N, C-alpha and C. Protein backbone atom coordinates (compact mmCIF):
# COMPACT_ATOMS: atom_id res chain seq x y z
N MET A 1 68.16 155.79 153.47
CA MET A 1 69.49 155.55 152.50
C MET A 1 68.29 154.73 151.68
N THR A 2 68.69 154.48 150.53
CA THR A 2 68.47 153.69 149.55
C THR A 2 69.84 153.18 148.51
N TYR A 3 70.21 151.80 148.06
CA TYR A 3 70.62 151.63 146.88
C TYR A 3 70.32 150.52 145.84
N GLU A 4 70.09 150.74 144.55
CA GLU A 4 69.78 150.51 143.45
C GLU A 4 70.64 149.29 142.44
N VAL A 5 71.06 148.79 143.14
CA VAL A 5 72.11 147.71 142.62
C VAL A 5 71.39 146.27 142.16
N PRO A 6 71.27 145.30 141.52
CA PRO A 6 70.53 144.05 141.72
C PRO A 6 71.39 143.52 142.22
N SER A 7 72.55 142.83 142.19
CA SER A 7 73.63 142.18 142.58
C SER A 7 75.04 142.61 142.77
N GLY A 8 74.76 144.14 143.06
CA GLY A 8 76.85 144.16 143.69
C GLY A 8 78.09 144.69 142.56
N PRO A 9 78.37 145.55 143.01
CA PRO A 9 79.59 145.69 141.99
C PRO A 9 80.47 144.59 141.78
N GLY A 10 80.45 143.73 142.08
CA GLY A 10 81.50 142.68 141.31
C GLY A 10 80.91 141.47 140.77
N ALA A 11 79.40 141.61 140.09
CA ALA A 11 79.04 140.91 139.85
C ALA A 11 78.95 140.93 138.50
N SER A 12 79.52 141.53 137.95
CA SER A 12 79.56 141.83 136.38
C SER A 12 80.83 141.73 135.67
N PRO A 13 80.68 140.76 134.77
CA PRO A 13 82.00 140.19 133.78
C PRO A 13 82.88 141.67 133.70
N PHE A 14 82.06 143.14 133.54
CA PHE A 14 82.80 144.16 132.89
C PHE A 14 82.95 145.16 133.95
N PRO A 15 83.82 146.44 133.87
CA PRO A 15 84.06 146.96 134.53
C PRO A 15 82.98 148.10 134.68
N TRP A 16 83.23 148.92 135.79
CA TRP A 16 82.56 150.17 136.13
C TRP A 16 82.88 151.36 135.77
N PHE A 17 81.96 151.87 134.83
CA PHE A 17 82.15 153.13 134.20
C PHE A 17 81.31 154.40 134.95
N ALA A 18 81.50 155.57 134.93
CA ALA A 18 80.73 156.35 135.26
C ALA A 18 80.46 157.35 133.89
N VAL A 19 79.15 157.50 134.00
CA VAL A 19 78.05 158.41 133.03
C VAL A 19 78.19 159.05 133.01
N ARG A 20 78.44 160.27 131.99
CA ARG A 20 77.75 161.53 132.76
C ARG A 20 76.78 162.06 131.98
N VAL A 21 75.76 162.63 132.91
CA VAL A 21 74.19 162.47 132.04
C VAL A 21 73.60 164.01 132.34
N LYS A 22 72.54 164.75 131.32
CA LYS A 22 72.30 165.46 131.71
C LYS A 22 71.59 165.63 132.95
N SER A 23 71.77 167.47 133.32
CA SER A 23 71.44 167.75 134.66
C SER A 23 69.77 167.06 134.89
N ASN A 24 69.45 166.48 136.56
CA ASN A 24 67.96 166.32 136.37
C ASN A 24 67.75 164.57 135.85
N CYS A 25 68.60 164.02 135.23
CA CYS A 25 68.07 162.98 134.43
C CYS A 25 68.49 161.85 134.88
N GLU A 26 69.41 161.68 135.88
CA GLU A 26 70.13 159.98 136.61
C GLU A 26 69.21 159.14 136.64
N ARG A 27 67.94 159.35 136.99
CA ARG A 27 66.92 158.29 137.05
C ARG A 27 66.40 157.76 135.70
N THR A 28 66.03 159.06 135.34
CA THR A 28 65.41 158.35 133.46
C THR A 28 66.60 157.13 132.85
N VAL A 29 68.19 158.29 133.16
CA VAL A 29 69.01 157.52 132.50
C VAL A 29 69.13 155.93 132.90
N ALA A 30 69.23 155.95 134.39
CA ALA A 30 69.36 154.73 134.82
C ALA A 30 68.21 153.67 134.35
N THR A 31 66.54 154.17 134.42
CA THR A 31 65.82 153.14 133.93
C THR A 31 66.06 153.11 132.36
N LEU A 32 66.72 153.81 131.54
CA LEU A 32 66.74 153.31 129.85
C LEU A 32 67.81 152.09 130.30
N LEU A 33 68.88 152.57 130.97
CA LEU A 33 70.05 151.49 130.76
C LEU A 33 69.50 149.96 131.13
N GLU A 34 68.82 150.09 132.47
CA GLU A 34 68.66 148.62 132.72
C GLU A 34 67.26 148.23 132.13
N GLN A 35 66.43 148.82 131.38
CA GLN A 35 65.94 148.77 130.07
C GLN A 35 66.42 147.72 128.86
N ARG A 36 67.70 148.16 128.56
CA ARG A 36 68.58 147.87 127.61
C ARG A 36 69.32 146.68 128.22
N GLY A 37 68.86 146.04 129.10
CA GLY A 37 70.07 144.74 129.88
C GLY A 37 70.96 145.61 130.32
N TYR A 38 71.98 146.74 130.84
CA TYR A 38 72.73 146.87 131.24
C TYR A 38 72.47 147.17 132.78
N GLN A 39 73.60 146.76 133.59
CA GLN A 39 73.64 146.66 135.43
C GLN A 39 74.11 147.87 135.54
N ARG A 40 73.42 148.48 136.40
CA ARG A 40 73.49 150.03 136.46
C ARG A 40 73.39 150.17 137.91
N PHE A 41 74.38 151.89 138.85
CA PHE A 41 74.01 151.86 139.41
C PHE A 41 74.24 153.19 140.04
N LEU A 42 73.33 153.75 140.74
CA LEU A 42 72.71 155.01 140.98
C LEU A 42 72.52 155.15 142.53
N PRO A 43 73.37 155.40 143.37
CA PRO A 43 73.62 155.90 144.85
C PRO A 43 72.78 156.78 145.46
N THR A 44 72.09 156.81 146.59
CA THR A 44 71.18 157.27 147.04
C THR A 44 70.75 157.56 148.07
N CYS A 45 70.36 158.33 148.88
CA CYS A 45 70.35 158.32 150.28
C CYS A 45 69.39 159.31 150.91
N LYS A 46 69.01 159.11 151.65
CA LYS A 46 67.17 159.97 152.53
C LYS A 46 67.99 160.99 153.16
N VAL A 47 67.23 162.36 152.66
CA VAL A 47 67.47 163.96 153.01
C VAL A 47 65.97 163.79 153.69
N ARG A 48 65.97 164.57 154.95
CA ARG A 48 64.85 165.72 155.24
C ARG A 48 64.93 166.90 154.52
N THR A 49 64.00 167.38 153.80
CA THR A 49 63.54 168.70 153.89
C THR A 49 62.50 169.78 154.25
N HIS A 50 62.80 170.81 154.82
CA HIS A 50 62.21 171.44 155.57
C HIS A 50 61.40 172.28 154.54
N TRP A 51 60.15 172.41 154.48
CA TRP A 51 59.39 173.27 153.67
C TRP A 51 58.78 174.04 155.12
N SER A 52 57.59 175.03 154.60
CA SER A 52 57.06 176.20 155.18
C SER A 52 56.15 175.57 156.03
N ASP A 53 55.68 174.63 155.87
CA ASP A 53 54.29 173.75 156.51
C ASP A 53 54.79 172.37 157.09
N ARG A 54 55.56 171.62 156.30
CA ARG A 54 56.13 170.15 157.10
C ARG A 54 57.40 169.98 156.70
N ILE A 55 57.60 168.70 156.73
CA ILE A 55 59.00 168.16 156.66
C ILE A 55 58.71 166.90 155.97
N LYS A 56 59.25 166.80 155.08
CA LYS A 56 59.25 165.45 153.71
C LYS A 56 60.59 165.04 153.38
N SER A 57 60.61 163.72 153.71
CA SER A 57 61.44 162.81 153.28
C SER A 57 61.81 162.70 151.88
N ALA A 58 63.01 162.71 151.03
CA ALA A 58 63.29 162.94 149.64
C ALA A 58 64.71 161.75 149.50
N ASP A 59 64.39 161.22 148.39
CA ASP A 59 65.65 160.96 148.09
C ASP A 59 66.49 161.82 147.31
N ARG A 60 67.74 161.20 147.84
CA ARG A 60 68.99 162.41 147.05
C ARG A 60 69.69 161.83 146.23
N ILE A 61 70.28 162.28 144.95
CA ILE A 61 71.45 161.51 144.33
C ILE A 61 72.77 161.31 144.81
N LEU A 62 73.40 160.55 145.30
CA LEU A 62 74.63 161.07 145.86
C LEU A 62 75.50 161.84 145.07
N PHE A 63 75.80 161.37 143.53
CA PHE A 63 76.61 161.53 142.61
C PHE A 63 75.98 162.78 141.42
N PRO A 64 75.27 163.66 141.85
CA PRO A 64 74.50 164.44 140.87
C PRO A 64 75.67 164.29 139.22
N GLY A 65 74.46 164.44 138.46
CA GLY A 65 74.94 164.32 136.82
C GLY A 65 75.46 162.75 136.45
N TYR A 66 75.64 162.24 137.61
CA TYR A 66 76.63 160.70 136.93
C TYR A 66 75.25 159.57 137.45
N VAL A 67 75.61 158.17 136.36
CA VAL A 67 75.38 157.35 136.62
C VAL A 67 76.42 156.10 136.86
N PHE A 68 76.60 155.64 137.38
CA PHE A 68 77.38 153.98 136.83
C PHE A 68 76.79 153.20 136.36
N CYS A 69 77.66 152.89 135.28
CA CYS A 69 77.27 151.43 134.64
C CYS A 69 78.30 150.68 134.27
N SER A 70 78.10 149.00 134.09
CA SER A 70 78.90 148.05 133.80
C SER A 70 78.83 147.80 132.24
N PHE A 71 79.99 147.76 131.53
CA PHE A 71 79.43 147.71 130.41
C PHE A 71 80.81 147.08 129.54
N ASN A 72 81.02 146.72 128.35
CA ASN A 72 82.53 146.39 127.72
C ASN A 72 82.52 147.92 127.14
N PRO A 73 83.53 147.98 127.20
CA PRO A 73 83.99 149.50 126.41
C PRO A 73 84.59 149.57 125.29
N SER A 74 84.51 148.52 124.59
CA SER A 74 84.81 148.34 123.07
C SER A 74 83.51 148.04 122.37
N CYS A 75 81.98 148.62 123.28
CA CYS A 75 80.74 148.39 122.92
C CYS A 75 80.17 149.23 123.01
N ARG A 76 80.38 150.53 123.32
CA ARG A 76 79.54 151.48 124.04
C ARG A 76 78.81 152.43 123.38
N LEU A 77 78.51 152.14 122.26
CA LEU A 77 77.37 152.77 121.25
C LEU A 77 76.15 152.88 121.38
N PRO A 78 76.18 151.61 122.42
CA PRO A 78 74.43 151.57 122.77
C PRO A 78 74.48 152.45 124.17
N ILE A 79 75.41 152.80 124.72
CA ILE A 79 75.34 153.47 126.54
C ILE A 79 75.34 154.92 125.55
N LEU A 80 76.09 155.28 124.65
CA LEU A 80 76.55 156.44 124.59
C LEU A 80 74.92 157.23 123.58
N SER A 81 74.44 156.12 123.42
CA SER A 81 72.96 156.58 122.56
C SER A 81 72.07 156.67 123.28
N THR A 82 71.96 156.30 124.20
CA THR A 82 71.25 156.46 125.00
C THR A 82 70.58 158.10 125.75
N PRO A 83 69.10 158.49 125.30
CA PRO A 83 68.46 159.56 125.91
C PRO A 83 68.99 160.06 127.21
N GLY A 84 69.90 161.42 127.17
CA GLY A 84 70.00 162.02 128.35
C GLY A 84 71.78 161.75 128.53
N VAL A 85 72.32 160.94 128.20
CA VAL A 85 74.17 160.39 127.99
C VAL A 85 74.42 161.50 127.24
N LEU A 86 75.61 161.64 127.95
CA LEU A 86 76.42 163.19 127.84
C LEU A 86 77.77 162.29 127.23
N HIS A 87 78.06 161.67 127.92
CA HIS A 87 79.49 161.01 127.47
C HIS A 87 79.99 159.75 128.68
N VAL A 88 80.96 158.87 128.79
CA VAL A 88 81.31 158.34 129.46
C VAL A 88 82.72 158.96 129.91
N VAL A 89 82.82 159.03 131.16
CA VAL A 89 83.65 159.74 131.71
C VAL A 89 85.23 159.30 131.38
N GLY A 90 85.98 159.63 131.07
CA GLY A 90 87.75 159.01 130.66
C GLY A 90 89.00 160.00 130.23
N VAL A 91 90.09 159.34 129.70
CA VAL A 91 90.51 160.45 129.72
C VAL A 91 90.73 160.36 127.98
N GLY A 92 90.91 161.79 127.64
CA GLY A 92 90.54 161.50 126.07
C GLY A 92 89.28 161.40 125.86
N LYS A 93 89.48 160.34 124.47
CA LYS A 93 88.24 159.57 123.91
C LYS A 93 88.14 158.02 124.58
N GLU A 94 88.75 157.51 125.34
CA GLU A 94 89.15 156.47 126.05
C GLU A 94 87.68 156.63 127.47
N PRO A 95 86.94 155.51 127.29
CA PRO A 95 86.45 155.64 128.82
C PRO A 95 87.33 155.07 130.06
N ALA A 96 87.36 155.56 130.93
CA ALA A 96 88.32 154.86 132.31
C ALA A 96 87.62 154.49 133.07
N ALA A 97 87.41 152.72 133.42
CA ALA A 97 86.97 152.14 134.50
C ALA A 97 87.04 152.82 136.05
N VAL A 98 85.87 152.90 136.61
CA VAL A 98 86.13 153.40 138.34
C VAL A 98 86.90 152.01 138.84
N PRO A 99 87.94 152.32 139.48
CA PRO A 99 88.44 151.02 140.07
C PRO A 99 87.80 150.69 141.31
N GLU A 100 87.75 149.00 140.78
CA GLU A 100 86.73 147.90 141.70
C GLU A 100 86.89 148.10 143.00
N GLY A 101 87.96 148.83 143.73
CA GLY A 101 87.99 148.82 145.46
C GLY A 101 87.16 149.91 145.82
N GLU A 102 87.05 150.60 144.83
CA GLU A 102 86.27 152.33 144.90
C GLU A 102 84.42 151.96 144.96
N MET A 103 84.46 151.23 143.56
CA MET A 103 83.13 150.57 143.20
C MET A 103 82.37 149.81 144.73
N ARG A 104 83.69 148.81 145.18
CA ARG A 104 82.97 147.91 146.23
C ARG A 104 82.91 148.79 147.43
N ALA A 105 83.90 149.23 148.20
CA ALA A 105 83.56 150.42 149.14
C ALA A 105 82.62 151.09 148.90
N LEU A 106 82.26 151.81 147.93
CA LEU A 106 80.70 152.65 147.96
C LEU A 106 79.75 151.70 148.07
N TRP A 107 79.94 150.77 147.38
CA TRP A 107 78.47 149.67 147.54
C TRP A 107 78.28 149.22 149.19
N THR A 108 79.58 148.86 149.90
CA THR A 108 79.39 148.23 151.36
C THR A 108 78.88 149.49 151.79
N THR A 109 79.19 150.71 151.70
CA THR A 109 79.09 151.82 152.26
C THR A 109 77.50 152.09 152.32
N LEU A 110 76.84 151.84 151.27
CA LEU A 110 75.75 151.99 151.07
C LEU A 110 74.48 151.11 151.63
N GLN A 111 75.60 149.52 151.50
CA GLN A 111 74.34 148.93 151.96
C GLN A 111 74.25 148.75 153.94
N SER A 112 75.29 149.34 154.17
CA SER A 112 75.29 149.49 155.98
C SER A 112 74.50 150.09 156.36
N SER A 113 73.79 150.23 157.42
CA SER A 113 72.94 151.26 158.21
C SER A 113 73.48 152.52 158.94
N ALA A 114 74.59 152.80 158.25
CA ALA A 114 75.35 154.15 158.59
C ALA A 114 74.68 155.23 158.15
N ALA A 115 74.77 156.65 158.57
CA ALA A 115 73.99 157.27 158.22
C ALA A 115 74.84 157.92 156.65
N VAL A 116 74.64 157.96 155.74
CA VAL A 116 75.38 158.54 154.33
C VAL A 116 74.80 159.73 153.94
N GLY A 117 76.38 160.35 153.28
CA GLY A 117 75.79 161.69 152.85
C GLY A 117 76.95 162.02 151.32
N PRO A 118 76.41 163.20 150.97
CA PRO A 118 77.73 163.60 150.48
C PRO A 118 78.69 164.64 150.97
N TRP A 119 79.98 164.46 150.32
CA TRP A 119 80.90 164.72 151.37
C TRP A 119 81.83 165.66 150.14
N PRO A 120 82.72 166.57 150.59
CA PRO A 120 83.75 167.17 149.94
C PRO A 120 84.82 166.22 149.31
N TYR A 121 85.15 166.33 148.31
CA TYR A 121 86.57 165.37 148.20
C TYR A 121 87.59 165.70 148.88
N LEU A 122 88.30 164.51 149.20
CA LEU A 122 89.44 165.21 150.00
C LEU A 122 90.71 164.12 149.32
N GLN A 123 91.80 164.88 148.91
CA GLN A 123 92.97 164.27 148.45
C GLN A 123 94.21 164.04 149.26
N SER A 124 94.27 164.42 150.43
CA SER A 124 95.26 164.31 151.22
C SER A 124 95.03 163.82 152.99
N GLY A 125 95.67 162.94 153.47
CA GLY A 125 95.73 162.46 155.01
C GLY A 125 95.89 160.74 154.94
N ASP A 126 95.65 160.38 155.99
CA ASP A 126 96.06 158.93 156.21
C ASP A 126 94.84 157.95 155.97
N TRP A 127 94.86 156.96 155.37
CA TRP A 127 94.00 156.22 155.03
C TRP A 127 93.52 155.03 156.55
N VAL A 128 92.55 154.36 156.04
CA VAL A 128 92.15 153.90 156.97
C VAL A 128 91.72 152.59 157.01
N VAL A 129 91.49 151.36 157.40
CA VAL A 129 90.23 150.17 157.28
C VAL A 129 89.61 150.14 158.45
N VAL A 130 88.46 149.90 157.68
CA VAL A 130 86.87 149.31 159.20
C VAL A 130 87.25 147.82 159.41
N GLU A 131 87.52 147.85 160.69
CA GLU A 131 87.90 146.22 161.22
C GLU A 131 86.58 145.88 161.66
N ARG A 132 85.48 146.74 161.93
CA ARG A 132 84.00 146.54 162.59
C ARG A 132 83.35 146.84 162.77
N GLY A 133 82.00 146.36 162.79
CA GLY A 133 80.75 146.95 162.01
C GLY A 133 80.74 146.45 160.94
N ALA A 134 79.22 147.35 160.21
CA ALA A 134 78.91 146.78 158.99
C ALA A 134 80.06 147.38 157.64
N LEU A 135 80.84 148.34 158.21
CA LEU A 135 81.30 148.38 157.01
C LEU A 135 83.00 147.54 157.01
N ALA A 136 83.40 146.53 157.82
CA ALA A 136 84.08 146.27 157.97
C ALA A 136 84.78 145.70 156.78
N GLY A 137 86.26 146.02 156.29
CA GLY A 137 86.67 145.89 155.00
C GLY A 137 87.12 147.05 154.23
N VAL A 138 86.33 148.16 154.87
CA VAL A 138 86.17 149.35 153.61
C VAL A 138 87.07 150.34 153.80
N GLU A 139 87.62 150.51 152.84
CA GLU A 139 88.84 151.50 153.06
C GLU A 139 88.22 152.79 152.97
N GLY A 140 88.95 154.23 153.28
CA GLY A 140 88.44 155.17 153.25
C GLY A 140 89.41 156.29 154.19
N ILE A 141 89.03 157.40 154.34
CA ILE A 141 89.73 158.63 155.24
C ILE A 141 88.85 158.73 156.59
N VAL A 142 88.85 159.19 157.41
CA VAL A 142 88.56 159.35 159.30
C VAL A 142 88.67 160.81 158.92
N THR A 143 87.56 161.62 159.20
CA THR A 143 87.36 162.93 159.31
C THR A 143 86.46 163.25 160.91
N HIS A 144 86.96 164.15 161.49
CA HIS A 144 86.18 164.22 162.77
C HIS A 144 85.17 165.28 162.33
N PHE A 145 83.86 165.79 162.59
CA PHE A 145 83.01 166.17 162.38
C PHE A 145 81.88 166.29 163.28
N LYS A 146 81.54 167.58 164.00
CA LYS A 146 80.33 167.39 164.68
C LYS A 146 80.65 166.44 165.77
N GLY A 147 81.66 166.73 166.27
CA GLY A 147 82.25 165.70 167.69
C GLY A 147 81.69 164.23 167.45
N GLY A 148 81.75 163.97 166.00
CA GLY A 148 81.75 162.40 165.93
C GLY A 148 83.08 162.04 164.65
N TYR A 149 82.93 161.07 164.18
CA TYR A 149 83.50 160.51 163.30
C TYR A 149 82.82 160.24 161.98
N ARG A 150 83.56 160.34 161.11
CA ARG A 150 83.08 159.98 159.57
C ARG A 150 84.12 159.14 158.62
N LEU A 151 83.63 158.13 158.35
CA LEU A 151 84.31 157.27 156.99
C LEU A 151 83.97 158.34 155.62
N VAL A 152 85.25 158.33 155.12
CA VAL A 152 85.36 159.27 153.55
C VAL A 152 85.60 158.17 152.39
N VAL A 153 84.54 158.05 151.65
CA VAL A 153 84.79 156.89 150.47
C VAL A 153 85.15 157.94 149.20
N SER A 154 85.78 157.66 148.70
CA SER A 154 86.00 158.73 147.55
C SER A 154 86.05 158.23 146.16
N ILE A 155 85.04 158.75 144.71
CA ILE A 155 85.43 157.88 143.89
C ILE A 155 86.39 158.66 142.93
N THR A 156 87.92 158.51 142.78
CA THR A 156 89.13 159.51 142.25
C THR A 156 88.53 159.57 141.12
N LEU A 157 87.62 158.91 140.00
CA LEU A 157 87.59 159.59 138.97
C LEU A 157 86.74 160.68 138.75
N LEU A 158 85.64 160.93 139.56
CA LEU A 158 84.58 161.87 139.45
C LEU A 158 85.17 162.66 140.58
N GLN A 159 85.87 162.37 141.45
CA GLN A 159 86.80 163.49 142.56
C GLN A 159 85.54 164.02 143.13
N ARG A 160 84.56 162.96 143.55
CA ARG A 160 83.67 162.94 144.41
C ARG A 160 83.77 161.91 145.70
N SER A 161 82.96 162.30 146.87
CA SER A 161 82.95 161.58 147.96
C SER A 161 81.87 161.55 148.83
N ILE A 162 81.56 160.36 149.51
CA ILE A 162 80.60 160.14 150.38
C ILE A 162 81.04 160.08 151.98
N ALA A 163 80.48 160.58 152.49
CA ALA A 163 80.87 160.27 154.09
C ALA A 163 79.54 159.37 154.98
N ALA A 164 79.88 158.42 156.08
CA ALA A 164 79.36 157.36 156.75
C ALA A 164 79.66 157.72 158.21
N GLU A 165 78.78 157.61 159.22
CA GLU A 165 79.28 157.81 160.25
C GLU A 165 79.73 156.72 161.14
N ILE A 166 80.60 157.01 161.56
CA ILE A 166 81.24 155.40 162.09
C ILE A 166 81.74 155.66 163.89
N GLU A 167 82.52 154.87 164.67
CA GLU A 167 83.01 154.97 165.70
C GLU A 167 84.79 155.02 165.48
N ARG A 168 84.78 155.73 166.11
CA ARG A 168 86.88 156.15 166.22
C ARG A 168 87.22 154.63 166.22
N ASP A 169 87.29 153.29 167.07
CA ASP A 169 87.87 152.45 166.85
C ASP A 169 87.56 151.42 166.65
N TRP A 170 86.74 151.52 165.59
CA TRP A 170 86.15 150.93 163.96
C TRP A 170 87.69 150.40 163.29
N VAL A 171 88.67 151.86 163.38
CA VAL A 171 89.58 151.66 162.19
C VAL A 171 90.54 151.59 162.33
N ARG A 172 91.48 151.12 162.53
CA ARG A 172 93.21 151.05 162.17
C ARG A 172 93.86 151.71 160.86
N PRO A 173 94.74 152.40 161.20
CA PRO A 173 95.29 153.06 159.82
C PRO A 173 95.69 152.31 159.07
N LEU A 174 96.11 152.78 157.24
CA LEU A 174 96.79 151.94 156.87
C LEU A 174 97.91 153.11 156.39
N ARG A 175 99.19 152.23 156.00
CA ARG A 175 100.54 153.07 155.84
C ARG A 175 100.33 153.86 154.66
N LEU A 176 98.82 153.48 153.58
CA LEU A 176 99.16 153.83 152.26
C LEU A 176 98.61 155.49 152.52
N THR A 177 98.96 156.42 152.00
CA THR A 177 98.70 157.81 152.41
C THR A 177 97.52 157.92 150.70
N ALA A 178 96.48 158.83 151.17
CA ALA A 178 95.75 159.31 149.89
C ALA A 178 96.73 159.77 148.37
N ALA A 179 97.48 160.79 148.90
CA ALA A 179 98.63 160.87 147.67
C ALA A 179 99.06 159.83 146.94
N ARG A 180 99.61 158.64 147.69
CA ARG A 180 100.07 157.53 147.56
C ARG A 180 99.16 156.95 146.60
N HIS A 181 97.93 156.75 147.20
CA HIS A 181 96.86 155.95 146.47
C HIS A 181 96.16 156.58 144.86
N ALA A 182 96.19 157.53 145.25
CA ALA A 182 95.90 158.49 143.57
C ALA A 182 96.96 158.01 142.88
N ARG A 183 98.63 158.39 143.29
CA ARG A 183 99.40 157.58 142.28
C ARG A 183 99.60 156.40 142.12
N GLU A 184 99.46 155.48 142.71
CA GLU A 184 99.41 154.01 142.23
C GLU A 184 97.81 154.13 141.06
N TRP A 185 96.94 154.51 142.07
CA TRP A 185 95.36 154.56 140.61
C TRP A 185 96.39 155.06 139.53
N ARG A 186 96.84 156.33 139.17
CA ARG A 186 97.63 157.00 138.05
C ARG A 186 98.03 156.12 136.89
N ASN A 187 98.85 155.04 138.13
CA ASN A 187 100.07 154.44 137.39
C ASN A 187 99.45 153.34 136.79
N ALA A 188 98.08 152.70 137.75
CA ALA A 188 97.41 151.49 137.34
C ALA A 188 96.63 152.11 135.83
N ALA A 189 95.90 153.06 135.96
CA ALA A 189 95.47 153.44 134.71
C ALA A 189 96.36 153.99 133.89
N ALA A 190 97.34 154.22 133.65
CA ALA A 190 98.15 154.45 132.71
C ALA A 190 98.46 153.16 131.96
N SER A 191 98.41 152.22 132.78
CA SER A 191 99.45 150.96 132.11
C SER A 191 97.99 149.91 131.56
N GLY A 192 96.98 150.70 132.01
CA GLY A 192 95.55 149.87 131.59
C GLY A 192 95.19 148.63 133.08
N HIS A 193 95.57 148.70 133.66
CA HIS A 193 95.47 147.82 134.46
C HIS A 193 94.28 147.89 135.75
N VAL A 194 93.63 149.27 135.55
CA VAL A 194 92.55 149.30 136.44
C VAL A 194 91.03 149.01 135.78
N ALA A 195 90.37 148.16 136.79
CA ALA A 195 89.24 147.17 136.41
C ALA A 195 88.12 147.86 137.11
């Protein structure tokens, strides 16, 4: 598992946005954005690939086709003119910021020592908060998988998720269901209070 953020998602004065990029251009766009002075985030994980004669370890991008970038949304032309960038994810022509809590959960999950990988996006279920371990304070959905438990952390705007292996007794349920959480996010986005 690797993570490529210089100082974490809370360190920037501007919100984080999902930038849609051309296929297989994520690393190039991330490098170009960094060279232009922007804080960017390209979450990856280590995977083992089986070749006919060997097993190789490689980095896999957790959100293919997307690079996260922190910038002032009123000055987005330098982002859009970066080679490989298709558009900034948003509603209509207005970019929509990824909620700060989701970015923080993603960042904390990637910094932990838990095994992390892509996971199907989940919309229903009870939310939990992790109380112990490296993921303490992270909110997400717990799923049962292959005899163990995983904490699913989602980026609602992209409808993509990642999962980290956890112990079941590390978490406690929250009263906030995923449907209610999504509804509150949509209401905040509509009123312009999403950061």
